[in-house]
């Protein structure tokens, strides 16, 4: 996994999407901040696609714990995840 790093970051897979004949793993990368945790969505192609195709979103999630950030990530509708994937390239 070649996800850009933040100090103390962890990545957790939350679902898969198929878009334009590519199957994507959707991960949430979380890291500690001064007043809690931040998180962002990361999209990685499943299978034998080049690693350069990983798409990393901006920090969109926050919470008091990693678990809270992950819970809010699970609540994001698939349509919004698809829109974010398209906006990243």
Protein backbone atom coordinates (compact mmCIF):
# COMPACT_ATOMS: atom_id res chain seq x y z
CA UNK A 1 0.00 0.00 0.00
CA UNK A 2 1.51 3.32 -1.00
CA UNK A 3 -0.74 5.68 0.89
CA UNK A 4 0.75 9.07 1.79
CA UNK A 5 1.49 9.12 5.47
CA UNK A 6 0.57 11.22 8.44
CA UNK A 7 2.31 10.64 11.78
CA UNK A 8 0.57 7.78 13.57
CA UNK A 9 -1.80 7.07 10.68
CA UNK A 10 -3.72 3.82 10.26
CA UNK A 11 -5.74 2.63 7.28
CA UNK A 12 -8.89 0.50 7.41
CA UNK A 13 -10.80 -0.95 4.44
CA UNK A 14 -14.51 -0.14 4.58
CA UNK A 15 -15.95 -1.31 1.23
CA UNK A 16 -15.44 -1.95 -2.47
CA UNK A 17 -16.78 -0.09 -5.50
CA UNK A 18 -16.81 -1.01 -9.18
CA UNK A 19 -16.47 1.96 -11.49
CA UNK A 20 -15.57 1.98 -15.21
CA UNK A 21 -14.58 -1.72 -15.19
CA UNK A 22 -12.21 -1.16 -12.25
CA UNK A 23 -12.86 -2.58 -8.82
CA UNK A 24 -11.71 -0.18 -6.07
CA UNK A 25 -10.96 -0.83 -2.41
CA UNK A 26 -12.18 2.07 -0.31
CA UNK A 27 -10.06 2.69 2.77
CA UNK A 28 -10.20 5.28 5.50
CA UNK A 29 -6.87 6.64 6.67
CA UNK A 30 -7.02 8.08 10.19
CA UNK A 31 -4.44 9.96 12.23
CA UNK A 32 -4.32 11.75 15.58
CA UNK A 33 -4.62 15.53 15.75
CA UNK A 34 -4.42 17.85 18.73
CA UNK A 35 -8.15 17.63 19.58
CA UNK A 36 -9.03 14.15 18.30
CA UNK A 37 -8.65 12.35 14.97
CA UNK A 38 -8.87 13.25 11.29
CA UNK A 39 -9.59 10.94 8.39
CA UNK A 40 -9.75 10.77 4.62
CA UNK A 41 -10.89 8.32 1.97
CA UNK A 42 -8.30 6.48 -0.10
CA UNK A 43 -9.23 4.53 -3.24
CA UNK A 44 -6.94 1.70 -4.39
CA UNK A 45 -7.52 -0.43 -7.48
CA UNK A 46 -8.07 -4.09 -6.65
CA UNK A 47 -5.97 -6.58 -8.56
CA UNK A 48 -2.98 -6.05 -10.80
CA UNK A 49 -3.34 -2.34 -11.59
CA UNK A 50 -0.29 -0.09 -11.18
CA UNK A 51 0.11 1.35 -7.69
CA UNK A 52 0.28 4.85 -9.18
CA UNK A 53 -3.50 4.76 -9.56
CA UNK A 54 -4.15 5.13 -5.83
CA UNK A 55 -6.34 8.18 -5.25
CA UNK A 56 -6.19 10.00 -1.93
CA UNK A 57 -8.89 12.44 -0.87
CA UNK A 58 -8.53 15.44 1.38
CA UNK A 59 -9.21 15.23 5.12
CA UNK A 60 -13.02 15.16 5.27
CA UNK A 61 -13.69 13.27 8.49
CA UNK A 62 -13.06 14.12 12.12
CA UNK A 63 -13.95 12.76 15.52
CA UNK A 64 -12.81 12.25 19.08
CA UNK A 65 -11.50 8.73 18.32
CA UNK A 66 -10.50 6.55 15.36
CA UNK A 67 -13.66 4.54 15.91
CA UNK A 68 -15.83 7.66 15.63
CA UNK A 69 -14.12 8.63 12.37
CA UNK A 70 -14.66 5.11 10.99
CA UNK A 71 -18.31 5.11 12.04
CA UNK A 72 -18.88 8.37 10.19
CA UNK A 73 -17.08 6.94 7.12
CA UNK A 74 -19.45 3.95 7.06
CA UNK A 75 -22.38 6.40 7.03
CA UNK A 76 -21.22 8.11 3.80
CA UNK A 77 -23.53 7.01 0.96
CA UNK A 78 -22.01 5.10 -1.95
CA UNK A 79 -23.11 7.86 -4.33
CA UNK A 80 -20.97 10.37 -2.44
CA UNK A 81 -17.98 8.00 -2.48
CA UNK A 82 -18.38 7.58 -6.25
CA UNK A 83 -18.50 11.37 -6.70
CA UNK A 84 -15.34 11.76 -4.61
CA UNK A 85 -13.57 9.03 -6.61
CA UNK A 86 -14.46 10.83 -9.87
CA UNK A 87 -13.30 14.19 -8.51
CA UNK A 88 -9.87 12.73 -7.71
CA UNK A 89 -9.15 11.78 -11.29
